[in-house]
Amino acid sequence: MNHKLLLSAALAAALAGAVGAPSAYAGGKEKCYGISPVGGNDCANLAGTHSCAGQATVANDPGEYKIVEKGTCESLGGFDKETAKKIIAEKG
């Protein structure tokens, strides 16, 4: 019985995280590419080589992002997703 309870709790937590994730960008937040330090990214990269936070292997990689206050990305030296894709394609 404890095993079922544990499984149910784990599933509920996973679903709550998936449903709650978009709210991280609400309230004036946005993704800012090219500003994360090594191991300081917030989630998956554009290249698709990893899918988790904290896995950036190069500082300021244009394919990695941090979530920042809306309107502050450019002043931090970063760029939006479209610009990041262009930079990556040019390096290709």
N, C-alpha and C. Protein backbone atom coordinates (compact mmCIF):
# COMPACT_ATOMS: atom_id res chain seq x y z
N MET A 1 0.82 -1.18 0.00
CA MET A 1 0.00 0.00 0.00
C MET A 1 0.87 1.26 0.00
N ASN A 2 1.93 1.28 0.78
CA ASN A 2 2.82 2.43 0.83
C ASN A 2 3.44 2.70 -0.53
N HIS A 3 3.72 1.63 -1.28
CA HIS A 3 4.29 1.77 -2.61
C HIS A 3 3.33 2.52 -3.53
N LYS A 4 2.04 2.19 -3.47
CA LYS A 4 1.03 2.87 -4.28
C LYS A 4 0.93 4.34 -3.90
N LEU A 5 0.96 4.62 -2.61
CA LEU A 5 0.88 5.98 -2.13
C LEU A 5 2.07 6.79 -2.60
N LEU A 6 3.25 6.21 -2.52
CA LEU A 6 4.46 6.88 -2.96
C LEU A 6 4.41 7.17 -4.45
N LEU A 7 3.98 6.19 -5.23
CA LEU A 7 3.85 6.36 -6.67
C LEU A 7 2.84 7.45 -7.01
N SER A 8 1.72 7.46 -6.33
CA SER A 8 0.70 8.48 -6.56
C SER A 8 1.22 9.87 -6.24
N ALA A 9 1.95 9.99 -5.15
CA ALA A 9 2.51 11.28 -4.76
C ALA A 9 3.54 11.75 -5.79
N ALA A 10 4.36 10.84 -6.27
CA ALA A 10 5.37 11.19 -7.27
C ALA A 10 4.71 11.64 -8.56
N LEU A 11 3.68 10.95 -8.99
CA LEU A 11 2.96 11.32 -10.20
C LEU A 11 2.29 12.68 -10.04
N ALA A 12 1.69 12.92 -8.91
CA ALA A 12 1.04 14.20 -8.65
C ALA A 12 2.06 15.34 -8.67
N ALA A 13 3.22 15.12 -8.09
CA ALA A 13 4.26 16.14 -8.08
C ALA A 13 4.76 16.44 -9.49
N ALA A 14 4.94 15.38 -10.28
CA ALA A 14 5.40 15.56 -11.66
C ALA A 14 4.38 16.34 -12.48
N LEU A 15 3.12 16.00 -12.32
CA LEU A 15 2.08 16.71 -13.06
C LEU A 15 1.95 18.15 -12.60
N ALA A 16 2.08 18.39 -11.34
CA ALA A 16 2.01 19.75 -10.82
C ALA A 16 3.16 20.58 -11.36
N GLY A 17 4.34 19.99 -11.45
CA GLY A 17 5.49 20.70 -12.01
C GLY A 17 5.29 21.02 -13.47
N ALA A 18 4.75 20.08 -14.22
CA ALA A 18 4.52 20.30 -15.65
C ALA A 18 3.46 21.37 -15.88
N VAL A 19 2.43 21.36 -15.07
CA VAL A 19 1.37 22.35 -15.21
C VAL A 19 1.86 23.71 -14.73
N GLY A 20 2.66 23.73 -13.69
CA GLY A 20 3.12 24.99 -13.12
C GLY A 20 4.27 25.63 -13.87
N ALA A 21 4.96 24.91 -14.71
CA ALA A 21 6.14 25.43 -15.40
C ALA A 21 5.89 26.70 -16.19
N PRO A 22 4.83 26.79 -17.00
CA PRO A 22 4.64 28.02 -17.77
C PRO A 22 4.49 29.26 -16.92
N SER A 23 4.02 29.13 -15.69
CA SER A 23 3.87 30.31 -14.85
C SER A 23 5.21 30.94 -14.48
N ALA A 24 6.30 30.20 -14.64
CA ALA A 24 7.62 30.76 -14.37
C ALA A 24 7.92 31.93 -15.30
N TYR A 25 7.30 31.95 -16.47
CA TYR A 25 7.54 33.01 -17.45
C TYR A 25 6.49 34.12 -17.34
N ALA A 26 5.44 33.87 -16.58
CA ALA A 26 4.40 34.88 -16.41
C ALA A 26 4.89 35.94 -15.43
N GLY A 27 4.18 37.00 -15.33
CA GLY A 27 4.52 38.02 -14.35
C GLY A 27 5.79 38.77 -14.68
N GLY A 28 6.06 38.98 -15.97
CA GLY A 28 7.20 39.80 -16.35
C GLY A 28 8.52 39.08 -16.44
N LYS A 29 8.51 37.80 -16.71
CA LYS A 29 9.76 37.05 -16.88
C LYS A 29 9.91 36.65 -18.35
N GLU A 30 11.15 36.43 -18.79
CA GLU A 30 11.41 35.96 -20.14
C GLU A 30 12.71 35.17 -20.19
N LYS A 31 12.86 34.39 -21.25
CA LYS A 31 14.10 33.64 -21.47
C LYS A 31 15.12 34.59 -22.08
N CYS A 32 16.35 34.50 -21.58
CA CYS A 32 17.44 35.32 -22.09
C CYS A 32 18.59 34.38 -22.45
N TYR A 33 18.88 34.29 -23.73
CA TYR A 33 19.91 33.37 -24.22
C TYR A 33 21.28 34.03 -24.20
N GLY A 34 22.30 33.20 -23.96
CA GLY A 34 23.68 33.65 -24.04
C GLY A 34 24.26 34.28 -22.80
N ILE A 35 23.59 34.16 -21.67
CA ILE A 35 24.11 34.80 -20.45
C ILE A 35 24.39 33.83 -19.32
N SER A 36 24.10 32.55 -19.51
CA SER A 36 24.26 31.63 -18.38
C SER A 36 25.70 31.18 -18.20
N PRO A 37 26.14 31.09 -16.95
CA PRO A 37 27.49 30.57 -16.67
C PRO A 37 27.49 29.04 -16.81
N VAL A 38 28.66 28.46 -16.76
CA VAL A 38 28.76 27.00 -16.79
C VAL A 38 27.91 26.45 -15.65
N GLY A 39 27.02 25.52 -15.98
CA GLY A 39 26.15 24.92 -14.98
C GLY A 39 25.05 25.84 -14.47
N GLY A 40 24.86 26.97 -15.11
CA GLY A 40 23.88 27.94 -14.61
C GLY A 40 22.67 28.14 -15.50
N ASN A 41 22.47 27.28 -16.48
CA ASN A 41 21.30 27.42 -17.36
C ASN A 41 20.02 27.00 -16.63
N ASP A 42 18.88 27.48 -17.14
CA ASP A 42 17.61 27.18 -16.48
C ASP A 42 16.87 25.97 -17.03
N CYS A 43 17.19 25.50 -18.21
CA CYS A 43 16.54 24.29 -18.73
C CYS A 43 17.24 23.83 -20.01
N ALA A 44 16.52 23.11 -20.86
CA ALA A 44 17.09 22.53 -22.08
C ALA A 44 17.72 23.59 -22.99
N ASN A 45 18.71 23.17 -23.77
CA ASN A 45 19.34 24.10 -24.70
C ASN A 45 18.73 23.97 -26.09
N LEU A 46 19.04 24.91 -26.96
CA LEU A 46 18.49 24.90 -28.31
C LEU A 46 19.02 23.74 -29.14
N ALA A 47 20.23 23.28 -28.86
CA ALA A 47 20.82 22.18 -29.62
C ALA A 47 20.18 20.84 -29.30
N GLY A 48 19.50 20.76 -28.17
CA GLY A 48 18.87 19.51 -27.77
C GLY A 48 19.84 18.48 -27.21
N THR A 49 21.02 18.93 -26.78
CA THR A 49 22.01 18.00 -26.24
C THR A 49 21.78 17.69 -24.77
N HIS A 50 20.92 18.47 -24.11
CA HIS A 50 20.50 18.16 -22.74
C HIS A 50 19.13 18.77 -22.51
N SER A 51 18.46 18.29 -21.49
CA SER A 51 17.10 18.76 -21.24
C SER A 51 16.88 19.22 -19.81
N CYS A 52 17.95 19.52 -19.10
CA CYS A 52 17.80 19.89 -17.69
C CYS A 52 18.58 21.15 -17.34
N ALA A 53 18.15 21.77 -16.27
CA ALA A 53 18.85 22.93 -15.73
C ALA A 53 20.20 22.50 -15.17
N GLY A 54 21.15 23.42 -15.21
CA GLY A 54 22.45 23.16 -14.61
C GLY A 54 23.39 22.31 -15.44
N GLN A 55 23.09 22.11 -16.72
CA GLN A 55 23.93 21.26 -17.55
C GLN A 55 24.73 22.01 -18.62
N ALA A 56 24.74 23.33 -18.57
CA ALA A 56 25.53 24.11 -19.53
C ALA A 56 27.01 23.82 -19.30
N THR A 57 27.73 23.55 -20.37
CA THR A 57 29.15 23.24 -20.25
C THR A 57 30.05 24.38 -20.70
N VAL A 58 29.45 25.42 -21.30
CA VAL A 58 30.21 26.58 -21.77
C VAL A 58 29.50 27.84 -21.28
N ALA A 59 30.24 28.77 -20.73
CA ALA A 59 29.65 30.03 -20.28
C ALA A 59 29.22 30.87 -21.48
N ASN A 60 28.09 31.54 -21.34
CA ASN A 60 27.55 32.45 -22.36
C ASN A 60 27.26 31.78 -23.70
N ASP A 61 26.97 30.50 -23.68
CA ASP A 61 26.59 29.77 -24.89
C ASP A 61 25.28 30.35 -25.41
N PRO A 62 25.21 30.73 -26.68
CA PRO A 62 23.97 31.31 -27.20
C PRO A 62 22.78 30.35 -27.20
N GLY A 63 23.03 29.07 -27.05
CA GLY A 63 21.95 28.09 -27.01
C GLY A 63 21.39 27.82 -25.63
N GLU A 64 22.00 28.40 -24.61
CA GLU A 64 21.56 28.22 -23.22
C GLU A 64 20.86 29.49 -22.75
N TYR A 65 19.89 29.33 -21.85
CA TYR A 65 19.19 30.52 -21.37
C TYR A 65 19.02 30.54 -19.86
N LYS A 66 18.75 31.75 -19.38
CA LYS A 66 18.37 32.01 -17.99
C LYS A 66 17.04 32.75 -18.04
N ILE A 67 16.23 32.59 -17.04
CA ILE A 67 14.98 33.34 -16.95
C ILE A 67 15.28 34.63 -16.19
N VAL A 68 14.93 35.75 -16.81
CA VAL A 68 15.24 37.07 -16.25
C VAL A 68 13.98 37.93 -16.25
N GLU A 69 14.07 39.06 -15.58
CA GLU A 69 12.97 40.03 -15.59
C GLU A 69 12.79 40.55 -17.02
N LYS A 70 11.55 40.62 -17.46
CA LYS A 70 11.24 41.08 -18.80
C LYS A 70 11.84 42.47 -19.03
N GLY A 71 12.49 42.64 -20.17
CA GLY A 71 13.08 43.92 -20.52
C GLY A 71 14.52 44.09 -20.08
N THR A 72 15.10 43.10 -19.38
CA THR A 72 16.47 43.25 -18.90
C THR A 72 17.48 42.43 -19.70
N CYS A 73 17.01 41.58 -20.59
CA CYS A 73 17.91 40.65 -21.29
C CYS A 73 19.01 41.37 -22.07
N GLU A 74 18.63 42.33 -22.88
CA GLU A 74 19.62 43.02 -23.71
C GLU A 74 20.67 43.72 -22.85
N SER A 75 20.24 44.34 -21.77
CA SER A 75 21.20 45.04 -20.90
C SER A 75 22.15 44.08 -20.19
N LEU A 76 21.75 42.79 -20.10
CA LEU A 76 22.60 41.77 -19.51
C LEU A 76 23.56 41.15 -20.53
N GLY A 77 23.42 41.58 -21.79
CA GLY A 77 24.29 41.05 -22.85
C GLY A 77 23.71 39.84 -23.55
N GLY A 78 22.44 39.56 -23.33
CA GLY A 78 21.81 38.39 -23.94
C GLY A 78 20.91 38.75 -25.10
N PHE A 79 20.20 37.75 -25.59
CA PHE A 79 19.33 37.95 -26.74
C PHE A 79 18.14 37.00 -26.69
N ASP A 80 17.16 37.28 -27.54
CA ASP A 80 15.96 36.45 -27.60
C ASP A 80 16.24 35.16 -28.38
N LYS A 81 15.26 34.27 -28.42
CA LYS A 81 15.42 32.95 -29.03
C LYS A 81 15.74 33.05 -30.52
N GLU A 82 15.07 33.94 -31.24
CA GLU A 82 15.29 34.06 -32.68
C GLU A 82 16.72 34.50 -32.97
N THR A 83 17.22 35.46 -32.22
CA THR A 83 18.59 35.93 -32.40
C THR A 83 19.58 34.82 -32.04
N ALA A 84 19.30 34.09 -30.98
CA ALA A 84 20.16 32.97 -30.57
C ALA A 84 20.26 31.93 -31.68
N LYS A 85 19.12 31.61 -32.29
CA LYS A 85 19.12 30.64 -33.40
C LYS A 85 19.97 31.12 -34.57
N LYS A 86 19.90 32.41 -34.88
CA LYS A 86 20.68 33.00 -35.98
C LYS A 86 22.18 32.89 -35.68
N ILE A 87 22.55 33.20 -34.45
CA ILE A 87 23.97 33.14 -34.04
C ILE A 87 24.47 31.73 -34.15
N ILE A 88 23.69 30.77 -33.70
CA ILE A 88 24.08 29.36 -33.75
C ILE A 88 24.23 28.92 -35.21
N ALA A 89 23.29 29.33 -36.07
CA ALA A 89 23.33 28.95 -37.48
C ALA A 89 24.57 29.53 -38.18
N GLU A 90 24.95 30.75 -37.81
CA GLU A 90 26.12 31.39 -38.40
C GLU A 90 27.42 30.68 -37.99
N LYS A 91 27.45 30.16 -36.77
CA LYS A 91 28.63 29.44 -36.29
C LYS A 91 28.74 28.07 -36.93
N GLY A 92 27.54 27.50 -37.29
CA GLY A 92 27.38 26.15 -37.82
C GLY A 92 28.48 25.59 -38.54
